[in-house]
Amino acid sequence: MGELALAPVGPEKTPPVPAPQAAEAKRKPWENPTDPPKGLNFQPDAELHAKMNWVCENVPRMSRLRILREGAMMFCNAMIEKHDKE
């Protein structure tokens, strides 16, 4: 009987992966957050604690959590503006 000639098998070629779009490459981590927020244990020093108490007692609709959130947002925005090179 005749023998079948088999063609040599080379490494499989995978199709190239398209490069991410420029907009996707420059996406900031806060534009589509994937990490779940984690609780923080924040212990202010005595002076800051007294100031936060005064603000909460003298500013309508104010809380310590709101002070911390808004203060952290302002600080982060300032640091991003200062250090973001894009």
C-alpha atoms as a PDB file:
ATOM      1  CA  MET A   1       0.000   0.000   0.000  1.00  0.00           C
ATOM      2  CA  GLY A   2       1.014   3.591  -0.579  1.00  0.00           C
ATOM      3  CA  GLU A   3       2.078   5.782   2.255  1.00  0.00           C
ATOM      4  CA  LEU A   4       0.627   9.232   2.797  1.00  0.00           C
ATOM      5  CA  ALA A   5       3.090  12.071   2.837  1.00  0.00           C
ATOM      6  CA  LEU A   6       2.380  14.460   5.692  1.00  0.00           C
ATOM      7  CA  ALA A   7       3.254  18.097   5.424  1.00  0.00           C
ATOM      8  CA  PRO A   8       5.516  19.381   8.185  1.00  0.00           C
ATOM      9  CA  VAL A   9       3.604  21.071  10.969  1.00  0.00           C
ATOM     10  CA  GLY A  10       5.009  24.370  12.119  1.00  0.00           C
ATOM     11  CA  PRO A  11       4.096  26.522  15.073  1.00  0.00           C
ATOM     12  CA  GLU A  12       0.568  27.792  14.913  1.00  0.00           C
ATOM     13  CA  LYS A  13       0.274  31.427  14.082  1.00  0.00           C
ATOM     14  CA  THR A  14      -2.073  33.448  16.206  1.00  0.00           C
ATOM     15  CA  PRO A  15      -3.627  36.561  14.742  1.00  0.00           C
ATOM     16  CA  PRO A  16      -2.155  39.783  16.040  1.00  0.00           C
ATOM     17  CA  VAL A  17      -4.058  41.475  18.827  1.00  0.00           C
ATOM     18  CA  PRO A  18      -5.148  44.981  17.864  1.00  0.00           C
ATOM     19  CA  ALA A  19      -3.508  47.730  19.846  1.00  0.00           C
ATOM     20  CA  PRO A  20      -5.807  49.507  22.303  1.00  0.00           C
ATOM     21  CA  GLN A  21      -7.283  52.741  21.109  1.00  0.00           C
ATOM     22  CA  ALA A  22      -5.499  55.882  22.193  1.00  0.00           C
ATOM     23  CA  ALA A  23      -8.437  56.849  24.404  1.00  0.00           C
ATOM     24  CA  GLU A  24      -8.387  53.465  26.158  1.00  0.00           C
ATOM     25  CA  ALA A  25      -4.643  53.648  26.707  1.00  0.00           C
ATOM     26  CA  LYS A  26      -4.971  57.045  28.412  1.00  0.00           C
ATOM     27  CA  ARG A  27      -7.941  56.104  30.586  1.00  0.00           C
ATOM     28  CA  LYS A  28      -7.456  57.132  34.194  1.00  0.00           C
ATOM     29  CA  PRO A  29      -8.099  54.510  36.893  1.00  0.00           C
ATOM     30  CA  TRP A  30     -10.852  56.616  38.473  1.00  0.00           C
ATOM     31  CA  GLU A  31     -12.812  56.854  35.193  1.00  0.00           C
ATOM     32  CA  ASN A  32     -13.807  53.179  35.475  1.00  0.00           C
ATOM     33  CA  PRO A  33     -12.930  52.014  38.990  1.00  0.00           C
ATOM     34  CA  THR A  34     -12.737  48.249  39.404  1.00  0.00           C
ATOM     35  CA  ASP A  35     -11.299  47.915  42.916  1.00  0.00           C
ATOM     36  CA  PRO A  36     -14.000  47.970  45.585  1.00  0.00           C
ATOM     37  CA  PRO A  37     -13.595  50.727  48.171  1.00  0.00           C
ATOM     38  CA  LYS A  38     -12.115  49.621  51.470  1.00  0.00           C
ATOM     39  CA  GLY A  39     -12.802  51.117  54.864  1.00  0.00           C
ATOM     40  CA  LEU A  40     -10.140  53.221  56.484  1.00  0.00           C
ATOM     41  CA  ASN A  41      -9.440  53.713  60.144  1.00  0.00           C
ATOM     42  CA  PHE A  42      -8.726  57.420  60.463  1.00  0.00           C
ATOM     43  CA  GLN A  43      -7.649  58.786  63.828  1.00  0.00           C
ATOM     44  CA  PRO A  44      -7.196  62.580  63.708  1.00  0.00           C
ATOM     45  CA  ASP A  45      -4.915  64.321  66.152  1.00  0.00           C
ATOM     46  CA  ALA A  46      -6.569  66.324  68.940  1.00  0.00           C
ATOM     47  CA  GLU A  47      -6.424  69.666  67.100  1.00  0.00           C
ATOM     48  CA  LEU A  48      -7.994  68.315  63.909  1.00  0.00           C
ATOM     49  CA  HIS A  49     -10.609  66.430  65.927  1.00  0.00           C
ATOM     50  CA  ALA A  50     -11.606  69.657  67.724  1.00  0.00           C
ATOM     51  CA  LYS A  51     -11.792  71.545  64.413  1.00  0.00           C
ATOM     52  CA  MET A  52     -13.954  68.817  62.846  1.00  0.00           C
ATOM     53  CA  ASN A  53     -16.281  68.918  65.854  1.00  0.00           C
ATOM     54  CA  TRP A  54     -16.587  72.694  65.587  1.00  0.00           C
ATOM     55  CA  VAL A  55     -17.360  72.522  61.862  1.00  0.00           C
ATOM     56  CA  CYS A  56     -19.973  69.796  62.405  1.00  0.00           C
ATOM     57  CA  GLU A  57     -21.648  71.806  65.171  1.00  0.00           C
ATOM     58  CA  ASN A  58     -21.598  75.145  63.315  1.00  0.00           C
ATOM     59  CA  VAL A  59     -22.128  74.280  59.654  1.00  0.00           C
ATOM     60  CA  PRO A  60     -25.583  73.031  58.626  1.00  0.00           C
ATOM     61  CA  ARG A  61     -25.770  69.536  57.129  1.00  0.00           C
ATOM     62  CA  MET A  62     -22.124  68.768  57.889  1.00  0.00           C
ATOM     63  CA  SER A  63     -20.602  65.518  59.159  1.00  0.00           C
ATOM     64  CA  ARG A  64     -17.121  64.204  59.820  1.00  0.00           C
ATOM     65  CA  LEU A  65     -17.508  61.787  56.919  1.00  0.00           C
ATOM     66  CA  ARG A  66     -18.406  64.641  54.574  1.00  0.00           C
ATOM     67  CA  ILE A  67     -15.394  66.649  55.773  1.00  0.00           C
ATOM     68  CA  LEU A  68     -13.097  63.682  55.115  1.00  0.00           C
ATOM     69  CA  ARG A  69     -14.590  62.824  51.711  1.00  0.00           C
ATOM     70  CA  GLU A  70     -14.598  66.385  50.397  1.00  0.00           C
ATOM     71  CA  GLY A  71     -11.159  67.132  51.834  1.00  0.00           C
ATOM     72  CA  ALA A  72      -9.686  63.948  50.344  1.00  0.00           C
ATOM     73  CA  MET A  73     -11.271  64.716  46.949  1.00  0.00           C
ATOM     74  CA  MET A  74      -9.879  68.262  46.933  1.00  0.00           C
ATOM     75  CA  PHE A  75      -6.415  67.031  47.922  1.00  0.00           C
ATOM     76  CA  CYS A  76      -6.388  64.224  45.333  1.00  0.00           C
ATOM     77  CA  ASN A  77      -7.575  66.571  42.568  1.00  0.00           C
ATOM     78  CA  ALA A  78      -4.808  69.039  43.430  1.00  0.00           C
ATOM     79  CA  MET A  79      -2.156  66.282  43.443  1.00  0.00           C
ATOM     80  CA  ILE A  80      -3.399  64.882  40.111  1.00  0.00           C
ATOM     81  CA  GLU A  81      -3.357  68.343  38.543  1.00  0.00           C
ATOM     82  CA  LYS A  82       0.175  68.928  39.836  1.00  0.00           C
ATOM     83  CA  HIS A  83       1.673  65.527  38.951  1.00  0.00           C
ATOM     84  CA  ASP A  84      -0.307  64.201  35.961  1.00  0.00           C
ATOM     85  CA  LYS A  85       1.971  64.531  32.936  1.00  0.00           C
ATOM     86  CA  GLU A  86      -0.652  63.797  30.250  1.00  0.00           C
END
